[in-house]
Amino acid sequence: MRRFRRRLGAGRLVALAMAVFAVSFLAIGQAPLLGLLIVAALGYGLAQGVLIPTLQDRITSAATPASRGAVVAAFVGASRAGQTAGPAASGPTLGAVGTGRTFVLGGAVAAVTAIVAAAGSRFVDGTEPAPVEEAEADAAAAVD
């Protein structure tokens, strides 16, 4: 994952993950076949697997060592709040427009988020830490 972050930048990875979320939600909402639903769900899982570590890395690397624990706790708390609020908000939507349209609406929200993330990535990626020395880069690449 670290190699992707170095090549693309954290902001671009966040935008890419949100775009994959959007496509996945749209596909889940419109899937005529179980196979497509499974592929879309795998896409969602891949996006989640890219997004969460990328955000955690950016947040922890921006925090001072003294505040890192509090920053991680705030991140986890915000993540859990979102995991609670999302289903709570989608419940009434499911009742009003049905399952497929609820996922399509979620895809639209994710698409807007991807656009905002892409527009902001030039600012986020402009603050990337300075490149590490060659030996440290090789050691980090071996871990990935």
N, C-alpha and C. Protein backbone atom coordinates (compact mmCIF):
# COMPACT_ATOMS: atom_id res chain seq x y z
N MET A 1 0.83 -1.19 0.00
CA MET A 1 0.00 0.00 0.00
C MET A 1 0.87 1.25 0.00
N ARG A 2 1.97 1.17 0.73
CA ARG A 2 2.85 2.34 0.81
C ARG A 2 3.38 2.72 -0.56
N ARG A 3 3.65 1.73 -1.41
CA ARG A 3 4.15 2.03 -2.76
C ARG A 3 3.11 2.81 -3.56
N PHE A 4 1.87 2.39 -3.45
CA PHE A 4 0.80 3.12 -4.16
C PHE A 4 0.70 4.55 -3.66
N ARG A 5 0.80 4.72 -2.35
CA ARG A 5 0.72 6.07 -1.80
C ARG A 5 1.87 6.94 -2.30
N ARG A 6 3.06 6.33 -2.39
CA ARG A 6 4.21 7.11 -2.89
C ARG A 6 4.02 7.47 -4.35
N ARG A 7 3.50 6.56 -5.14
CA ARG A 7 3.35 6.81 -6.57
C ARG A 7 2.20 7.76 -6.88
N LEU A 8 1.06 7.50 -6.27
CA LEU A 8 -0.15 8.27 -6.59
C LEU A 8 -0.38 9.45 -5.67
N GLY A 9 0.04 9.33 -4.43
CA GLY A 9 -0.25 10.34 -3.42
C GLY A 9 -1.50 9.97 -2.67
N ALA A 10 -1.55 10.34 -1.42
CA ALA A 10 -2.68 9.98 -0.55
C ALA A 10 -3.99 10.56 -1.06
N GLY A 11 -3.97 11.80 -1.48
CA GLY A 11 -5.20 12.44 -1.95
C GLY A 11 -5.78 11.75 -3.16
N ARG A 12 -4.92 11.36 -4.09
CA ARG A 12 -5.40 10.66 -5.28
C ARG A 12 -5.93 9.27 -4.92
N LEU A 13 -5.29 8.60 -3.97
CA LEU A 13 -5.79 7.30 -3.53
C LEU A 13 -7.16 7.42 -2.88
N VAL A 14 -7.35 8.45 -2.08
CA VAL A 14 -8.66 8.68 -1.46
C VAL A 14 -9.71 8.92 -2.55
N ALA A 15 -9.38 9.75 -3.53
CA ALA A 15 -10.32 10.01 -4.63
C ALA A 15 -10.61 8.74 -5.42
N LEU A 16 -9.58 7.94 -5.67
CA LEU A 16 -9.76 6.69 -6.40
C LEU A 16 -10.65 5.72 -5.61
N ALA A 17 -10.40 5.60 -4.32
CA ALA A 17 -11.22 4.71 -3.48
C ALA A 17 -12.68 5.18 -3.48
N MET A 18 -12.90 6.48 -3.39
CA MET A 18 -14.28 6.98 -3.40
C MET A 18 -14.94 6.74 -4.76
N ALA A 19 -14.17 6.82 -5.84
CA ALA A 19 -14.72 6.52 -7.16
C ALA A 19 -15.11 5.04 -7.25
N VAL A 20 -14.28 4.17 -6.69
CA VAL A 20 -14.61 2.74 -6.69
C VAL A 20 -15.84 2.49 -5.82
N PHE A 21 -15.95 3.19 -4.69
CA PHE A 21 -17.18 3.11 -3.88
C PHE A 21 -18.39 3.48 -4.74
N ALA A 22 -18.28 4.57 -5.48
CA ALA A 22 -19.41 5.05 -6.28
C ALA A 22 -19.82 4.00 -7.31
N VAL A 23 -18.86 3.48 -8.03
CA VAL A 23 -19.16 2.47 -9.05
C VAL A 23 -19.74 1.22 -8.39
N SER A 24 -19.17 0.82 -7.26
CA SER A 24 -19.65 -0.37 -6.55
C SER A 24 -21.09 -0.20 -6.09
N PHE A 25 -21.39 0.94 -5.48
CA PHE A 25 -22.77 1.19 -5.02
C PHE A 25 -23.74 1.21 -6.20
N LEU A 26 -23.35 1.87 -7.28
CA LEU A 26 -24.22 1.91 -8.45
C LEU A 26 -24.45 0.51 -9.00
N ALA A 27 -23.39 -0.29 -9.06
CA ALA A 27 -23.52 -1.66 -9.56
C ALA A 27 -24.36 -2.52 -8.63
N ILE A 28 -24.18 -2.37 -7.33
CA ILE A 28 -25.00 -3.13 -6.38
C ILE A 28 -26.47 -2.75 -6.55
N GLY A 29 -26.74 -1.48 -6.70
CA GLY A 29 -28.12 -1.02 -6.85
C GLY A 29 -28.78 -1.47 -8.13
N GLN A 30 -28.00 -1.76 -9.15
CA GLN A 30 -28.56 -2.11 -10.45
C GLN A 30 -28.25 -3.55 -10.87
N ALA A 31 -27.59 -4.32 -10.01
CA ALA A 31 -27.12 -5.65 -10.39
C ALA A 31 -28.27 -6.59 -10.78
N PRO A 32 -28.28 -7.05 -12.04
CA PRO A 32 -29.32 -7.98 -12.46
C PRO A 32 -28.95 -9.44 -12.14
N LEU A 33 -27.67 -9.68 -11.85
CA LEU A 33 -27.19 -11.03 -11.60
C LEU A 33 -26.39 -11.08 -10.31
N LEU A 34 -26.44 -12.21 -9.66
CA LEU A 34 -25.70 -12.40 -8.41
C LEU A 34 -24.21 -12.22 -8.63
N GLY A 35 -23.69 -12.66 -9.75
CA GLY A 35 -22.26 -12.52 -10.04
C GLY A 35 -21.81 -11.07 -10.05
N LEU A 36 -22.61 -10.21 -10.67
CA LEU A 36 -22.29 -8.78 -10.69
C LEU A 36 -22.36 -8.19 -9.29
N LEU A 37 -23.33 -8.62 -8.52
CA LEU A 37 -23.45 -8.17 -7.13
C LEU A 37 -22.21 -8.55 -6.33
N ILE A 38 -21.71 -9.75 -6.53
CA ILE A 38 -20.50 -10.20 -5.82
C ILE A 38 -19.29 -9.40 -6.25
N VAL A 39 -19.14 -9.17 -7.55
CA VAL A 39 -18.00 -8.37 -8.04
C VAL A 39 -18.07 -6.95 -7.48
N ALA A 40 -19.27 -6.38 -7.46
CA ALA A 40 -19.44 -5.02 -6.92
C ALA A 40 -19.11 -4.99 -5.43
N ALA A 41 -19.53 -6.02 -4.70
CA ALA A 41 -19.21 -6.08 -3.26
C ALA A 41 -17.70 -6.22 -3.04
N LEU A 42 -17.03 -6.97 -3.90
CA LEU A 42 -15.56 -7.08 -3.82
C LEU A 42 -14.91 -5.72 -4.10
N GLY A 43 -15.46 -4.98 -5.06
CA GLY A 43 -14.96 -3.63 -5.34
C GLY A 43 -15.11 -2.73 -4.13
N TYR A 44 -16.26 -2.83 -3.46
CA TYR A 44 -16.48 -2.06 -2.24
C TYR A 44 -15.43 -2.41 -1.19
N GLY A 45 -15.20 -3.71 -1.00
CA GLY A 45 -14.19 -4.14 -0.02
C GLY A 45 -12.80 -3.66 -0.37
N LEU A 46 -12.45 -3.68 -1.65
CA LEU A 46 -11.15 -3.17 -2.09
C LEU A 46 -11.03 -1.68 -1.80
N ALA A 47 -12.07 -0.94 -2.10
CA ALA A 47 -12.04 0.51 -1.83
C ALA A 47 -11.88 0.78 -0.34
N GLN A 48 -12.58 0.02 0.47
CA GLN A 48 -12.47 0.17 1.92
C GLN A 48 -11.04 -0.15 2.37
N GLY A 49 -10.47 -1.20 1.78
CA GLY A 49 -9.11 -1.60 2.12
C GLY A 49 -8.05 -0.59 1.70
N VAL A 50 -8.35 0.23 0.72
CA VAL A 50 -7.43 1.30 0.31
C VAL A 50 -7.68 2.56 1.13
N LEU A 51 -8.95 2.90 1.32
CA LEU A 51 -9.31 4.16 1.96
C LEU A 51 -8.88 4.24 3.42
N ILE A 52 -9.26 3.27 4.21
CA ILE A 52 -9.04 3.36 5.66
C ILE A 52 -7.55 3.43 6.00
N PRO A 53 -6.70 2.54 5.49
CA PRO A 53 -5.27 2.67 5.84
C PRO A 53 -4.64 3.96 5.32
N THR A 54 -5.10 4.43 4.16
CA THR A 54 -4.55 5.67 3.61
C THR A 54 -4.91 6.85 4.51
N LEU A 55 -6.17 6.92 4.93
CA LEU A 55 -6.57 8.00 5.84
C LEU A 55 -5.84 7.89 7.18
N GLN A 56 -5.74 6.68 7.72
CA GLN A 56 -5.04 6.50 8.99
C GLN A 56 -3.58 6.93 8.88
N ASP A 57 -2.94 6.56 7.79
CA ASP A 57 -1.54 6.94 7.60
C ASP A 57 -1.37 8.45 7.52
N ARG A 58 -2.24 9.11 6.76
CA ARG A 58 -2.15 10.57 6.62
C ARG A 58 -2.40 11.26 7.96
N ILE A 59 -3.39 10.78 8.69
CA ILE A 59 -3.74 11.41 9.96
C ILE A 59 -2.65 11.20 10.99
N THR A 60 -2.15 9.98 11.10
CA THR A 60 -1.12 9.72 12.11
C THR A 60 0.20 10.39 11.76
N SER A 61 0.51 10.47 10.48
CA SER A 61 1.78 11.12 10.11
C SER A 61 1.72 12.64 10.28
N ALA A 62 0.52 13.20 10.25
CA ALA A 62 0.39 14.65 10.44
C ALA A 62 0.37 15.04 11.92
N ALA A 63 0.09 14.07 12.79
CA ALA A 63 -0.01 14.35 14.22
C ALA A 63 1.38 14.35 14.86
N THR A 64 1.51 15.13 15.90
CA THR A 64 2.75 15.09 16.67
C THR A 64 2.77 13.80 17.48
N PRO A 65 3.94 13.31 17.84
CA PRO A 65 3.99 12.08 18.64
C PRO A 65 3.17 12.18 19.93
N ALA A 66 3.16 13.33 20.54
CA ALA A 66 2.43 13.50 21.81
C ALA A 66 0.92 13.43 21.61
N SER A 67 0.43 13.82 20.44
CA SER A 67 -1.02 13.83 20.22
C SER A 67 -1.51 12.68 19.37
N ARG A 68 -0.61 11.82 18.94
CA ARG A 68 -0.98 10.75 18.01
C ARG A 68 -2.09 9.85 18.57
N GLY A 69 -2.02 9.48 19.83
CA GLY A 69 -3.05 8.63 20.43
C GLY A 69 -4.42 9.28 20.39
N ALA A 70 -4.48 10.55 20.73
CA ALA A 70 -5.75 11.27 20.71
C ALA A 70 -6.28 11.41 19.28
N VAL A 71 -5.39 11.61 18.34
CA VAL A 71 -5.81 11.75 16.94
C VAL A 71 -6.37 10.43 16.42
N VAL A 72 -5.70 9.32 16.74
CA VAL A 72 -6.20 8.02 16.32
C VAL A 72 -7.56 7.72 16.98
N ALA A 73 -7.68 8.06 18.26
CA ALA A 73 -8.96 7.85 18.95
C ALA A 73 -10.08 8.66 18.30
N ALA A 74 -9.79 9.90 17.92
CA ALA A 74 -10.79 10.72 17.26
C ALA A 74 -11.16 10.14 15.90
N PHE A 75 -10.17 9.64 15.18
CA PHE A 75 -10.42 9.02 13.87
C PHE A 75 -11.32 7.79 14.03
N VAL A 76 -10.99 6.94 14.98
CA VAL A 76 -11.79 5.73 15.21
C VAL A 76 -13.20 6.11 15.64
N GLY A 77 -13.32 7.09 16.53
CA GLY A 77 -14.65 7.54 16.96
C GLY A 77 -15.47 8.08 15.80
N ALA A 78 -14.85 8.87 14.94
CA ALA A 78 -15.56 9.41 13.78
C ALA A 78 -15.95 8.30 12.81
N SER A 79 -15.07 7.32 12.63
CA SER A 79 -15.39 6.18 11.76
C SER A 79 -16.58 5.41 12.29
N ARG A 80 -16.59 5.15 13.58
CA ARG A 80 -17.71 4.41 14.18
C ARG A 80 -19.01 5.23 14.12
N ALA A 81 -18.90 6.52 14.29
CA ALA A 81 -20.10 7.37 14.17
C ALA A 81 -20.67 7.28 12.75
N GLY A 82 -19.78 7.30 11.76
CA GLY A 82 -20.23 7.17 10.37
C GLY A 82 -20.83 5.80 10.09
N GLN A 83 -20.24 4.76 10.68
CA GLN A 83 -20.78 3.42 10.49
C GLN A 83 -22.15 3.25 11.15
N THR A 84 -22.44 4.09 12.11
CA THR A 84 -23.75 4.06 12.75
C THR A 84 -24.73 4.97 12.01
N ALA A 85 -24.28 6.15 11.65
CA ALA A 85 -25.17 7.12 10.99
C ALA A 85 -25.58 6.66 9.59
N GLY A 86 -24.68 6.02 8.86
CA GLY A 86 -25.00 5.58 7.50
C GLY A 86 -26.21 4.65 7.46
N PRO A 87 -26.17 3.55 8.20
CA PRO A 87 -27.34 2.66 8.20
C PRO A 87 -28.59 3.33 8.78
N ALA A 88 -28.40 4.18 9.79
CA ALA A 88 -29.56 4.87 10.36
C ALA A 88 -30.22 5.79 9.33
N ALA A 89 -29.41 6.44 8.51
CA ALA A 89 -29.95 7.33 7.48
C ALA A 89 -30.51 6.54 6.30
N SER A 90 -29.90 5.40 6.01
CA SER A 90 -30.37 4.64 4.85
C SER A 90 -31.67 3.88 5.13
N GLY A 91 -31.98 3.63 6.39
CA GLY A 91 -33.22 2.94 6.73
C GLY A 91 -34.46 3.63 6.18
N PRO A 92 -34.64 4.92 6.50
CA PRO A 92 -35.81 5.62 5.93
C PRO A 92 -35.76 5.71 4.40
N THR A 93 -34.57 5.81 3.85
CA THR A 93 -34.44 5.86 2.40
C THR A 93 -34.86 4.53 1.78
N LEU A 94 -34.45 3.43 2.41
CA LEU A 94 -34.87 2.10 1.93
C LEU A 94 -36.39 2.00 1.90
N GLY A 95 -37.02 2.47 2.97
CA GLY A 95 -38.48 2.43 3.03
C GLY A 95 -39.14 3.30 1.99
N ALA A 96 -38.51 4.42 1.67
CA ALA A 96 -39.12 5.38 0.74
C ALA A 96 -38.90 5.02 -0.73
N VAL A 97 -37.69 4.58 -1.08
CA VAL A 97 -37.37 4.39 -2.50
C VAL A 97 -36.95 2.98 -2.86
N GLY A 98 -36.74 2.11 -1.89
CA GLY A 98 -36.33 0.73 -2.17
C GLY A 98 -34.83 0.54 -2.12
N THR A 99 -34.44 -0.73 -2.13
CA THR A 99 -33.04 -1.09 -1.97
C THR A 99 -32.16 -0.60 -3.12
N GLY A 100 -32.55 -0.88 -4.35
CA GLY A 100 -31.73 -0.51 -5.50
C GLY A 100 -31.48 0.98 -5.58
N ARG A 101 -32.53 1.76 -5.41
CA ARG A 101 -32.37 3.22 -5.49
C ARG A 101 -31.56 3.76 -4.32
N THR A 102 -31.66 3.11 -3.17
CA THR A 102 -30.86 3.55 -2.02
C THR A 102 -29.37 3.40 -2.34
N PHE A 103 -29.00 2.27 -2.95
CA PHE A 103 -27.59 2.09 -3.33
C PHE A 103 -27.18 3.06 -4.43
N VAL A 104 -28.07 3.34 -5.37
CA VAL A 104 -27.77 4.31 -6.42
C VAL A 104 -27.55 5.69 -5.80
N LEU A 105 -28.38 6.07 -4.86
CA LEU A 105 -28.19 7.35 -4.17
C LEU A 105 -26.86 7.36 -3.41
N GLY A 106 -26.54 6.24 -2.76
CA GLY A 106 -25.23 6.14 -2.09
C GLY A 106 -24.09 6.28 -3.07
N GLY A 107 -24.26 5.71 -4.26
CA GLY A 107 -23.25 5.85 -5.30
C GLY A 107 -23.09 7.30 -5.74
N ALA A 108 -24.21 8.01 -5.82
CA ALA A 108 -24.14 9.43 -6.20
C ALA A 108 -23.40 10.23 -5.13
N VAL A 109 -23.68 9.95 -3.87
CA VAL A 109 -22.97 10.64 -2.78
C VAL A 109 -21.48 10.31 -2.84
N ALA A 110 -21.15 9.05 -3.08
CA ALA A 110 -19.74 8.66 -3.18
C ALA A 110 -19.07 9.32 -4.39
N ALA A 111 -19.81 9.47 -5.49
CA ALA A 111 -19.25 10.12 -6.68
C ALA A 111 -18.93 11.59 -6.39
N VAL A 112 -19.84 12.27 -5.72
CA VAL A 112 -19.57 13.67 -5.36
C VAL A 112 -18.36 13.75 -4.43
N THR A 113 -18.29 12.83 -3.48
CA THR A 113 -17.15 12.81 -2.56
C THR A 113 -15.85 12.55 -3.33
N ALA A 114 -15.89 11.67 -4.32
CA ALA A 114 -14.71 11.40 -5.13
C ALA A 114 -14.26 12.64 -5.89
N ILE A 115 -15.22 13.39 -6.41
CA ILE A 115 -14.89 14.62 -7.15
C ILE A 115 -14.25 15.65 -6.20
N VAL A 116 -14.83 15.80 -5.02
CA VAL A 116 -14.27 16.72 -4.04
C VAL A 116 -12.88 16.27 -3.62
N ALA A 117 -12.72 14.96 -3.40
CA ALA A 117 -11.40 14.43 -3.00
C ALA A 117 -10.37 14.63 -4.11
N ALA A 118 -10.80 14.43 -5.36
CA ALA A 118 -9.88 14.62 -6.48
C ALA A 118 -9.47 16.08 -6.59
N ALA A 119 -10.43 16.98 -6.41
CA ALA A 119 -10.10 18.41 -6.47
C ALA A 119 -9.18 18.81 -5.33
N GLY A 120 -9.39 18.22 -4.17
CA GLY A 120 -8.56 18.54 -3.01
C GLY A 120 -7.24 17.80 -2.97
N SER A 121 -7.09 16.76 -3.80
CA SER A 121 -5.87 15.96 -3.72
C SER A 121 -4.62 16.74 -4.06
N ARG A 122 -4.75 17.73 -4.90
CA ARG A 122 -3.56 18.52 -5.23
C ARG A 122 -3.06 19.28 -4.01
N PHE A 123 -3.96 19.64 -3.10
CA PHE A 123 -3.54 20.30 -1.87
C PHE A 123 -3.00 19.29 -0.87
N VAL A 124 -3.70 18.16 -0.75
CA VAL A 124 -3.26 17.12 0.18
C VAL A 124 -1.91 16.57 -0.26
N ASP A 125 -1.80 16.23 -1.53
CA ASP A 125 -0.56 15.64 -2.00
C ASP A 125 0.57 16.65 -2.07
N GLY A 126 0.24 17.91 -2.09
CA GLY A 126 1.29 18.93 -2.04
C GLY A 126 1.97 18.99 -0.70
N THR A 127 1.38 18.35 0.31
CA THR A 127 1.96 18.35 1.65
C THR A 127 2.59 17.01 2.00
N GLU A 128 2.80 16.17 0.98
CA GLU A 128 3.42 14.87 1.24
C GLU A 128 4.77 15.08 1.93
N PRO A 129 5.12 14.18 2.84
CA PRO A 129 6.42 14.29 3.48
C PRO A 129 7.53 14.23 2.45
N ALA A 130 8.65 14.80 2.78
CA ALA A 130 9.81 14.76 1.88
C ALA A 130 10.22 13.32 1.64
N PRO A 131 10.72 13.01 0.46
CA PRO A 131 11.12 11.63 0.17
C PRO A 131 12.17 11.15 1.18
N VAL A 132 12.04 9.88 1.55
CA VAL A 132 13.02 9.31 2.48
C VAL A 132 14.27 8.95 1.72
N GLU A 133 15.33 8.77 2.44
CA GLU A 133 16.58 8.40 1.79
C GLU A 133 16.44 7.04 1.13
N GLU A 134 17.31 6.75 0.19
CA GLU A 134 17.22 5.54 -0.62
C GLU A 134 17.15 4.27 0.22
N ALA A 135 17.98 4.16 1.25
CA ALA A 135 18.00 2.95 2.09
C ALA A 135 16.68 2.78 2.83
N GLU A 136 16.13 3.86 3.33
CA GLU A 136 14.85 3.78 4.04
C GLU A 136 13.73 3.42 3.08
N ALA A 137 13.78 3.94 1.87
CA ALA A 137 12.77 3.62 0.87
C ALA A 137 12.81 2.14 0.49
N ASP A 138 14.03 1.60 0.33
CA ASP A 138 14.17 0.18 0.00
C ASP A 138 13.66 -0.70 1.15
N ALA A 139 13.96 -0.31 2.39
CA ALA A 139 13.49 -1.06 3.54
C ALA A 139 11.98 -1.02 3.63
N ALA A 140 11.39 0.15 3.40
CA ALA A 140 9.94 0.28 3.46
C ALA A 140 9.28 -0.52 2.35
N ALA A 141 9.87 -0.54 1.15
CA ALA A 141 9.32 -1.29 0.04
C ALA A 141 9.37 -2.79 0.32
N ALA A 142 10.40 -3.24 1.02
CA ALA A 142 10.51 -4.67 1.35
C ALA A 142 9.41 -5.09 2.30
N VAL A 143 8.97 -4.19 3.18
CA VAL A 143 7.90 -4.49 4.13
C VAL A 143 6.57 -4.62 3.41
N ASP A 144 6.33 -3.77 2.40
CA ASP A 144 5.07 -3.82 1.64
C ASP A 144 5.07 -5.08 0.85
